[in-house]
C-alpha atoms as a PDB file:
ATOM      1  CA  MET A   1      13.135   5.821   2.305  1.00  0.00           C
ATOM      2  CA  LEU A   2      13.498   1.994   1.869  1.00  0.00           C
ATOM      3  CA  ARG A   3      17.352   2.702   1.659  1.00  0.00           C
ATOM      4  CA  GLY A   4      17.177   4.504   5.010  1.00  0.00           C
ATOM      5  CA  THR A   5      15.328   1.276   6.345  1.00  0.00           C
ATOM      6  CA  PHE A   6      16.824  -1.175   8.685  1.00  0.00           C
ATOM      7  CA  VAL A   7      13.833  -2.722  10.249  1.00  0.00           C
ATOM      8  CA  HIS A   8      13.778  -5.374   7.894  1.00  0.00           C
ATOM      9  CA  LEU A   9      17.213  -6.725   8.921  1.00  0.00           C
ATOM     10  CA  PRO A  10      17.159  -9.419  11.721  1.00  0.00           C
ATOM     11  CA  GLY A  11      17.434  -8.358  15.273  1.00  0.00           C
ATOM     12  CA  VAL A  12      16.629  -4.725  14.317  1.00  0.00           C
ATOM     13  CA  GLY A  13      13.349  -3.027  15.701  1.00  0.00           C
ATOM     14  CA  PRO A  14      12.037   0.721  15.522  1.00  0.00           C
ATOM     15  CA  ARG A  15      14.396   1.302  18.595  1.00  0.00           C
ATOM     16  CA  THR A  16      17.478   0.096  17.238  1.00  0.00           C
ATOM     17  CA  GLU A  17      16.863   1.712  13.732  1.00  0.00           C
ATOM     18  CA  ARG A  18      16.287   4.978  15.580  1.00  0.00           C
ATOM     19  CA  ARG A  19      19.700   4.648  17.176  1.00  0.00           C
ATOM     20  CA  PHE A  20      21.365   3.945  13.940  1.00  0.00           C
ATOM     21  CA  TRP A  21      19.736   7.174  12.496  1.00  0.00           C
ATOM     22  CA  ALA A  22      20.771   9.172  15.479  1.00  0.00           C
ATOM     23  CA  SER A  23      24.224   8.196  15.131  1.00  0.00           C
ATOM     24  CA  GLY A  24      24.469   9.393  11.654  1.00  0.00           C
ATOM     25  CA  ILE A  25      23.662   6.271   9.850  1.00  0.00           C
ATOM     26  CA  GLU A  26      20.613   7.511   7.878  1.00  0.00           C
ATOM     27  CA  ASP A  27      21.123   4.744   4.812  1.00  0.00           C
ATOM     28  CA  TRP A  28      22.441   1.856   3.544  1.00  0.00           C
ATOM     29  CA  ASP A  29      25.595   3.355   1.951  1.00  0.00           C
ATOM     30  CA  ARG A  30      26.071   5.380   5.477  1.00  0.00           C
ATOM     31  CA  ALA A  31      26.061   2.061   7.083  1.00  0.00           C
ATOM     32  CA  LEU A  32      28.768   0.277   4.726  1.00  0.00           C
ATOM     33  CA  SER A  33      31.200   2.975   5.424  1.00  0.00           C
ATOM     34  CA  SER A  34      30.312   3.594   9.058  1.00  0.00           C
ATOM     35  CA  GLN A  35      32.125   1.776  12.054  1.00  0.00           C
ATOM     36  CA  PRO A  36      29.912  -0.105  14.396  1.00  0.00           C
ATOM     37  CA  PRO A  37      27.101   2.212  16.323  1.00  0.00           C
ATOM     38  CA  CYS A  38      27.033   2.295  19.928  1.00  0.00           C
ATOM     39  CA  GLY A  39      25.758  -0.993  21.355  1.00  0.00           C
ATOM     40  CA  ILE A  40      26.475  -3.073  18.023  1.00  0.00           C
ATOM     41  CA  SER A  41      29.759  -5.319  18.299  1.00  0.00           C
ATOM     42  CA  PRO A  42      32.228  -5.558  15.364  1.00  0.00           C
ATOM     43  CA  ARG A  43      31.075  -8.775  14.644  1.00  0.00           C
ATOM     44  CA  ARG A  44      27.613  -8.215  14.567  1.00  0.00           C
ATOM     45  CA  TRP A  45      28.012  -5.029  12.594  1.00  0.00           C
ATOM     46  CA  ASP A  46      29.694  -7.125  10.005  1.00  0.00           C
ATOM     47  CA  GLU A  47      26.811  -9.487   9.682  1.00  0.00           C
ATOM     48  CA  LEU A  48      24.273  -6.461   9.469  1.00  0.00           C
ATOM     49  CA  ARG A  49      26.346  -4.764   6.682  1.00  0.00           C
ATOM     50  CA  ASP A  50      26.567  -8.295   4.777  1.00  0.00           C
ATOM     51  CA  LEU A  51      22.615  -8.362   4.801  1.00  0.00           C
ATOM     52  CA  ILE A  52      22.380  -4.589   3.654  1.00  0.00           C
ATOM     53  CA  GLU A  53      24.649  -5.276   0.806  1.00  0.00           C
ATOM     54  CA  GLU A  54      22.097  -7.891  -0.154  1.00  0.00           C
ATOM     55  CA  SER A  55      19.077  -5.597   0.249  1.00  0.00           C
ATOM     56  CA  HIS A  56      21.250  -3.368  -2.392  1.00  0.00           C
ATOM     57  CA  ARG A  57      21.360  -5.976  -4.849  1.00  0.00           C
ATOM     58  CA  ARG A  58      17.749  -7.084  -4.404  1.00  0.00           C
ATOM     59  CA  LEU A  59      16.654  -3.591  -4.870  1.00  0.00           C
ATOM     60  CA  GLU A  60      18.665  -3.059  -7.972  1.00  0.00           C
ATOM     61  CA  ARG A  61      17.188  -6.186  -9.564  1.00  0.00           C
ATOM     62  CA  ARG A  62      13.635  -5.004  -8.049  1.00  0.00           C
ATOM     63  CA  HIS A  63      12.995  -8.242  -6.005  1.00  0.00           C
ATOM     64  CA  TYR A  64      10.077  -6.814  -4.271  1.00  0.00           C
ATOM     65  CA  ARG A  65       9.163 -10.217  -2.685  1.00  0.00           C
ATOM     66  CA  TYR A  66      12.141  -9.762  -0.669  1.00  0.00           C
ATOM     67  CA  PHE A  67      11.204  -6.639   0.915  1.00  0.00           C
ATOM     68  CA  ALA A  68       7.492  -7.631   1.370  1.00  0.00           C
ATOM     69  CA  GLU A  69       8.587 -10.795   3.057  1.00  0.00           C
ATOM     70  CA  ARG A  70      11.116  -8.946   5.538  1.00  0.00           C
ATOM     71  CA  LEU A  71       9.455  -5.797   6.027  1.00  0.00           C
ATOM     72  CA  ALA A  72       6.371  -6.044   8.909  1.00  0.00           C
ATOM     73  CA  GLN A  73       3.163  -4.676   6.880  1.00  0.00           C
ATOM     74  CA  GLY A  74       3.182  -1.206   8.821  1.00  0.00           C
ATOM     75  CA  TYR A  75       6.448  -0.676   7.087  1.00  0.00           C
ATOM     76  CA  HIS A  76       5.539  -1.405   3.075  1.00  0.00           C
ATOM     77  CA  TRP A  77       5.013   2.433   2.629  1.00  0.00           C
ATOM     78  CA  ARG A  78       8.384   2.720   3.032  1.00  0.00           C
ATOM     79  CA  ALA A  79       9.027   1.221  -0.676  1.00  0.00           C
ATOM     80  CA  TRP A  80       6.791   3.493  -2.480  1.00  0.00           C
ATOM     81  CA  PRO A  81       9.356   5.470  -4.011  1.00  0.00           C
ATOM     82  CA  GLU A  82      11.021   2.539  -5.534  1.00  0.00           C
ATOM     83  CA  PHE A  83       8.148   0.693  -6.758  1.00  0.00           C
ATOM     84  CA  ASN A  84       5.213   3.001  -7.416  1.00  0.00           C
ATOM     85  CA  ASP A  85       6.045   2.824 -11.058  1.00  0.00           C
ATOM     86  CA  ALA A  86       4.598  -0.592 -10.537  1.00  0.00           C
ATOM     87  CA  ALA A  87       1.635   0.118  -8.245  1.00  0.00           C
ATOM     88  CA  ALA A  88      -1.638  -1.497  -8.531  1.00  0.00           C
ATOM     89  CA  TYR A  89      -4.234   0.989  -6.957  1.00  0.00           C
ATOM     90  CA  LEU A  90      -7.017  -1.806  -5.926  1.00  0.00           C
ATOM     91  CA  ASP A  91     -10.487  -1.353  -4.745  1.00  0.00           C
ATOM     92  CA  ILE A  92     -13.395  -4.071  -4.553  1.00  0.00           C
ATOM     93  CA  GLU A  93     -17.079  -3.539  -4.500  1.00  0.00           C
ATOM     94  CA  THR A  94     -19.067  -6.576  -2.777  1.00  0.00           C
ATOM     95  CA  THR A  95     -22.628  -7.797  -1.863  1.00  0.00           C
ATOM     96  CA  GLY A  96     -21.855  -6.667   1.431  1.00  0.00           C
ATOM     97  CA  ALA A  97     -19.677  -7.086   4.436  1.00  0.00           C
ATOM     98  CA  GLY A  98     -20.611 -10.376   6.014  1.00  0.00           C
ATOM     99  CA  PRO A  99     -19.089 -13.915   5.322  1.00  0.00           C
ATOM    100  CA  GLY A 100     -21.704 -14.549   2.771  1.00  0.00           C
ATOM    101  CA  ALA A 101     -20.985 -11.668   0.583  1.00  0.00           C
ATOM    102  CA  GLN A 102     -19.379 -11.942  -2.847  1.00  0.00           C
ATOM    103  CA  VAL A 103     -16.902  -9.755  -4.494  1.00  0.00           C
ATOM    104  CA  THR A 104     -18.950  -8.243  -7.504  1.00  0.00           C
ATOM    105  CA  LEU A 105     -16.272  -5.680  -9.168  1.00  0.00           C
ATOM    106  CA  VAL A 106     -12.346  -4.921  -8.694  1.00  0.00           C
ATOM    107  CA  GLY A 107     -11.007  -1.779  -9.934  1.00  0.00           C
ATOM    108  CA  VAL A 108      -7.189  -1.587 -10.724  1.00  0.00           C
ATOM    109  CA  TYR A 109      -5.371   1.603 -11.578  1.00  0.00           C
ATOM    110  CA  ASP A 110      -1.908   1.393 -12.901  1.00  0.00           C
ATOM    111  CA  GLY A 111      -1.127   4.998 -13.003  1.00  0.00           C
ATOM    112  CA  VAL A 112      -2.323   4.895 -16.702  1.00  0.00           C
ATOM    113  CA  ARG A 113      -5.749   3.641 -16.713  1.00  0.00           C
ATOM    114  CA  VAL A 114      -8.432   1.803 -14.910  1.00  0.00           C
ATOM    115  CA  HIS A 115      -8.864  -1.656 -15.565  1.00  0.00           C
ATOM    116  CA  GLN A 116     -12.346  -3.242 -14.005  1.00  0.00           C
ATOM    117  CA  PHE A 117     -13.026  -6.776 -13.623  1.00  0.00           C
ATOM    118  CA  VAL A 118     -16.704  -7.603 -13.292  1.00  0.00           C
ATOM    119  CA  ALA A 119     -18.398 -10.818 -11.638  1.00  0.00           C
ATOM    120  CA  GLY A 120     -19.723 -13.012 -14.348  1.00  0.00           C
ATOM    121  CA  GLU A 121     -17.665 -11.326 -17.202  1.00  0.00           C
ATOM    122  CA  ASN A 122     -13.889 -11.245 -16.707  1.00  0.00           C
ATOM    123  CA  LEU A 123     -13.564 -11.602 -12.866  1.00  0.00           C
ATOM    124  CA  GLU A 124     -11.360 -14.664 -13.167  1.00  0.00           C
ATOM    125  CA  ASP A 125      -8.760 -12.845 -15.170  1.00  0.00           C
ATOM    126  CA  LEU A 126      -7.913 -10.711 -11.999  1.00  0.00           C
ATOM    127  CA  PRO A 127      -5.292 -13.180 -10.066  1.00  0.00           C
ATOM    128  CA  GLN A 128      -2.988 -13.224 -13.260  1.00  0.00           C
ATOM    129  CA  PHE A 129      -3.491  -9.526 -13.893  1.00  0.00           C
ATOM    130  CA  LEU A 130      -2.236  -8.746 -10.362  1.00  0.00           C
ATOM    131  CA  GLU A 131       1.015 -10.611 -10.938  1.00  0.00           C
ATOM    132  CA  GLY A 132       2.344  -7.876 -13.332  1.00  0.00           C
ATOM    133  CA  PHE A 133       2.879  -5.534 -10.257  1.00  0.00           C
ATOM    134  CA  ALA A 134       5.128  -4.939  -7.476  1.00  0.00           C
ATOM    135  CA  LEU A 135       3.150  -2.657  -5.081  1.00  0.00           C
ATOM    136  CA  ILE A 136      -0.337  -2.880  -4.416  1.00  0.00           C
ATOM    137  CA  VAL A 137      -1.982   0.358  -2.513  1.00  0.00           C
ATOM    138  CA  THR A 138      -5.624  -0.030  -0.973  1.00  0.00           C
ATOM    139  CA  PHE A 139      -7.687   2.011   1.735  1.00  0.00           C
ATOM    140  CA  ASN A 140      -8.477  -0.491   4.356  1.00  0.00           C
ATOM    141  CA  GLY A 141      -7.545  -3.608   2.106  1.00  0.00           C
ATOM    142  CA  ALA A 142      -5.640  -5.508   4.967  1.00  0.00           C
ATOM    143  CA  ALA A 143      -8.952  -5.925   6.502  1.00  0.00           C
ATOM    144  CA  PHE A 144     -11.294  -5.512   3.519  1.00  0.00           C
ATOM    145  CA  ASP A 145     -10.233  -6.122   0.292  1.00  0.00           C
ATOM    146  CA  LEU A 146      -7.494  -8.562   0.368  1.00  0.00           C
ATOM    147  CA  PRO A 147      -9.291 -11.065   2.353  1.00  0.00           C
ATOM    148  CA  PHE A 148     -12.058 -11.072   0.425  1.00  0.00           C
ATOM    149  CA  LEU A 149     -10.146 -11.429  -2.662  1.00  0.00           C
ATOM    150  CA  ARG A 150      -8.125 -14.351  -0.763  1.00  0.00           C
ATOM    151  CA  ARG A 151     -11.629 -16.139  -0.067  1.00  0.00           C
ATOM    152  CA  ARG A 152     -12.692 -15.678  -3.665  1.00  0.00           C
ATOM    153  CA  PHE A 153      -9.510 -17.143  -5.368  1.00  0.00           C
ATOM    154  CA  GLN A 154      -8.133 -19.837  -3.796  1.00  0.00           C
ATOM    155  CA  LYS A 155      -4.607 -19.527  -5.370  1.00  0.00           C
ATOM    156  CA  ILE A 156      -4.390 -15.854  -5.917  1.00  0.00           C
ATOM    157  CA  LYS A 157      -0.711 -14.503  -4.710  1.00  0.00           C
ATOM    158  CA  LEU A 158      -0.839 -11.163  -3.444  1.00  0.00           C
ATOM    159  CA  ASP A 159       2.528 -11.425  -2.263  1.00  0.00           C
ATOM    160  CA  GLN A 160       3.495  -7.792  -3.026  1.00  0.00           C
ATOM    161  CA  LEU A 161       4.114  -5.096  -1.097  1.00  0.00           C
ATOM    162  CA  HIS A 162       1.148  -3.762   0.146  1.00  0.00           C
ATOM    163  CA  PHE A 163       0.701  -0.206   0.960  1.00  0.00           C
ATOM    164  CA  ASP A 164      -2.693   0.387   3.130  1.00  0.00           C
ATOM    165  CA  VAL A 165      -3.213   4.070   2.980  1.00  0.00           C
ATOM    166  CA  ARG A 166      -5.686   3.793   5.820  1.00  0.00           C
ATOM    167  CA  PHE A 167      -3.200   3.071   8.424  1.00  0.00           C
ATOM    168  CA  GLY A 168      -0.525   5.630   7.186  1.00  0.00           C
ATOM    169  CA  LEU A 169      -2.928   8.434   7.044  1.00  0.00           C
ATOM    170  CA  GLN A 170      -4.195   7.349  10.714  1.00  0.00           C
ATOM    171  CA  ARG A 171      -0.511   7.717  11.764  1.00  0.00           C
ATOM    172  CA  LEU A 172      -0.796  11.349  10.586  1.00  0.00           C
ATOM    173  CA  GLY A 173      -3.948  11.942  12.375  1.00  0.00           C
ATOM    174  CA  ILE A 174      -6.206  11.738   9.658  1.00  0.00           C
ATOM    175  CA  HIS A 175      -9.226   9.533  10.404  1.00  0.00           C
ATOM    176  CA  GLY A 176     -12.550   8.580   8.625  1.00  0.00           C
ATOM    177  CA  GLY A 177     -13.631   6.653   5.661  1.00  0.00           C
ATOM    178  CA  LEU A 178     -12.455   7.117   1.901  1.00  0.00           C
ATOM    179  CA  LYS A 179     -14.708   9.642   0.904  1.00  0.00           C
ATOM    180  CA  ALA A 180     -14.686  11.771   4.220  1.00  0.00           C
ATOM    181  CA  ILE A 181     -10.527  11.686   3.914  1.00  0.00           C
ATOM    182  CA  GLU A 182     -10.782  12.899  -0.012  1.00  0.00           C
ATOM    183  CA  ALA A 183     -13.258  15.454   0.987  1.00  0.00           C
ATOM    184  CA  GLN A 184     -10.570  16.690   4.014  1.00  0.00           C
ATOM    185  CA  LEU A 185      -8.057  16.879   1.573  1.00  0.00           C
ATOM    186  CA  GLY A 186      -9.956  18.926  -1.015  1.00  0.00           C
ATOM    187  CA  LEU A 187     -10.635  16.096  -3.780  1.00  0.00           C
ATOM    188  CA  VAL A 188     -13.538  16.597  -5.394  1.00  0.00           C
ATOM    189  CA  ARG A 189     -15.730  13.909  -7.456  1.00  0.00           C
ATOM    190  CA  ASP A 190     -18.116  14.294 -10.668  1.00  0.00           C
ATOM    191  CA  ALA A 191     -21.425  15.267  -9.272  1.00  0.00           C
ATOM    192  CA  ASP A 192     -23.390  12.093 -10.181  1.00  0.00           C
ATOM    193  CA  ILE A 193     -21.226   9.767  -7.946  1.00  0.00           C
ATOM    194  CA  ALA A 194     -20.152  12.571  -5.106  1.00  0.00           C
ATOM    195  CA  GLY A 195     -22.753  11.160  -2.690  1.00  0.00           C
ATOM    196  CA  LEU A 196     -22.316   7.614  -3.476  1.00  0.00           C
ATOM    197  CA  ASN A 197     -21.100   5.472  -0.994  1.00  0.00           C
ATOM    198  CA  GLY A 198     -20.756   1.358  -0.092  1.00  0.00           C
ATOM    199  CA  GLU A 199     -24.102   0.596   0.589  1.00  0.00           C
ATOM    200  CA  ASP A 200     -25.034   2.493  -2.755  1.00  0.00           C
ATOM    201  CA  ALA A 201     -22.445   0.115  -4.701  1.00  0.00           C
ATOM    202  CA  VAL A 202     -24.322  -2.766  -3.470  1.00  0.00           C
ATOM    203  CA  ARG A 203     -27.494  -1.219  -4.609  1.00  0.00           C
ATOM    204  CA  LEU A 204     -26.428  -0.442  -7.917  1.00  0.00           C
ATOM    205  CA  TRP A 205     -24.835  -4.077  -8.463  1.00  0.00           C
ATOM    206  CA  TRP A 206     -28.231  -5.713  -7.641  1.00  0.00           C
ATOM    207  CA  GLU A 207     -30.367  -3.188 -10.037  1.00  0.00           C
ATOM    208  CA  TYR A 208     -27.758  -4.133 -12.909  1.00  0.00           C
ATOM    209  CA  ARG A 209     -28.024  -8.133 -12.149  1.00  0.00           C
ATOM    210  CA  ALA A 210     -32.233  -6.937 -12.460  1.00  0.00           C
ATOM    211  CA  GLY A 211     -31.071  -5.800 -15.808  1.00  0.00           C
ATOM    212  CA  ASN A 212     -30.446  -1.941 -15.467  1.00  0.00           C
ATOM    213  CA  ASP A 213     -27.345  -1.610 -17.569  1.00  0.00           C
ATOM    214  CA  SER A 214     -27.043   1.864 -16.435  1.00  0.00           C
ATOM    215  CA  SER A 215     -26.495   1.221 -12.745  1.00  0.00           C
ATOM    216  CA  LEU A 216     -23.687  -0.768 -13.923  1.00  0.00           C
ATOM    217  CA  ALA A 217     -22.077   2.123 -15.845  1.00  0.00           C
ATOM    218  CA  LEU A 218     -22.670   4.378 -12.729  1.00  0.00           C
ATOM    219  CA  LEU A 219     -21.031   1.685 -10.398  1.00  0.00           C
ATOM    220  CA  LEU A 220     -18.218   1.574 -12.554  1.00  0.00           C
ATOM    221  CA  ARG A 221     -17.450   5.057 -12.325  1.00  0.00           C
ATOM    222  CA  TYR A 222     -17.894   5.118  -8.791  1.00  0.00           C
ATOM    223  CA  ASN A 223     -15.405   2.264  -8.386  1.00  0.00           C
ATOM    224  CA  ALA A 224     -12.707   4.426 -10.866  1.00  0.00           C
ATOM    225  CA  ALA A 225     -12.940   7.084  -8.696  1.00  0.00           C
ATOM    226  CA  ASP A 226     -12.055   5.086  -5.641  1.00  0.00           C
ATOM    227  CA  VAL A 227      -8.784   3.373  -7.654  1.00  0.00           C
ATOM    228  CA  ILE A 228      -7.699   7.353  -9.209  1.00  0.00           C
ATOM    229  CA  ASN A 229      -7.871   8.681  -5.701  1.00  0.00           C
ATOM    230  CA  LEU A 230      -5.934   6.259  -4.099  1.00  0.00           C
ATOM    231  CA  GLU A 231      -2.881   7.314  -6.128  1.00  0.00           C
ATOM    232  CA  TYR A 232      -2.931  10.727  -4.675  1.00  0.00           C
ATOM    233  CA  LEU A 233      -4.017   9.854  -0.954  1.00  0.00           C
ATOM    234  CA  ALA A 234      -0.890   7.562  -1.005  1.00  0.00           C
ATOM    235  CA  ASP A 235       1.341  10.026  -2.594  1.00  0.00           C
ATOM    236  CA  TYR A 236       0.219  12.413   0.365  1.00  0.00           C
ATOM    237  CA  ALA A 237       0.734   9.950   3.009  1.00  0.00           C
ATOM    238  CA  TYR A 238       4.263   9.073   1.568  1.00  0.00           C
ATOM    239  CA  ARG A 239       5.420  12.479   1.786  1.00  0.00           C
ATOM    240  CA  ARG A 240       3.984  13.248   5.005  1.00  0.00           C
ATOM    241  CA  LEU A 241       5.429  10.380   6.799  1.00  0.00           C
ATOM    242  CA  TRP A 242       8.516  10.821   4.893  1.00  0.00           C
ATOM    243  CA  ARG A 243       8.883  14.187   6.431  1.00  0.00           C
ATOM    244  CA  GLU A 244       7.988  12.716  10.010  1.00  0.00           C
ATOM    245  CA  GLY A 245      10.734  10.227   9.596  1.00  0.00           C
ATOM    246  CA  GLN A 246      12.996  12.836   8.626  1.00  0.00           C
ATOM    247  CA  GLU A 247      12.132  15.327  11.733  1.00  0.00           C
ATOM    248  CA  ARG A 248      12.506  12.331  13.893  1.00  0.00           C
ATOM    249  CA  ALA A 249      16.091  11.592  12.648  1.00  0.00           C
ATOM    250  CA  GLU A 250      16.922  15.051  13.048  1.00  0.00           C
ATOM    251  CA  ASN A 251      15.913  15.614  16.676  1.00  0.00           C
ATOM    252  CA  LEU A 252      17.620  12.384  17.402  1.00  0.00           C
ATOM    253  CA  ARG A 253      21.052  13.603  16.131  1.00  0.00           C
ATOM    254  CA  ARG A 254      20.529  16.760  18.025  1.00  0.00           C
ATOM    255  CA  ARG A 255      20.374  15.282  21.593  1.00  0.00           C
END
């Protein structure tokens, strides 16, 4: 889908992009071999094609920051196929949701294994660890996880592409919290963590701080399920959104 994206180009919005698709300009390669679509002057088309060639070069070199900077956040999901091999599925736990709440645990699934960063142990290693990823995947991370991390780590970059699955699913008419959506899509958690929620995560943290190591073990399992399931949800959301885009383009061509 990234190669069929034009909204990262200056002056090209969703309406113009749809006009490109409707005229048969479905992707960058087609644009480079096509005459200007209706409403675009030859000079402007030459400028856009230069930028499309630059996009090709940047993608070949996997310059994810180029696209992260030029795409509005709501379009970052389109880069999923190109960068999901360098994705960090991220979820944080905190002592609450208020302004004084602290980050207690950060889980990151890299598609193979879960890495967890615990306050008072290895949490300070997180910023450097995240620099190895091109794409961050979260559920409601734009409103919760990433702002918390920026407050906790003054110098953290977080300049990657960011696929917030919550908003992708909302576009598909799938609403609710993470656990409710997992249930809707048939994801089942192990019995010992199936009923846990954010309030339980706060409780487990304070139980651990009071000396109960088994509470930390349960919290780690709960967090690990969050980040592992994000991979499935991201793939599901992308595939549905991609099909929706294809159908929209086909409908435009038929008009």
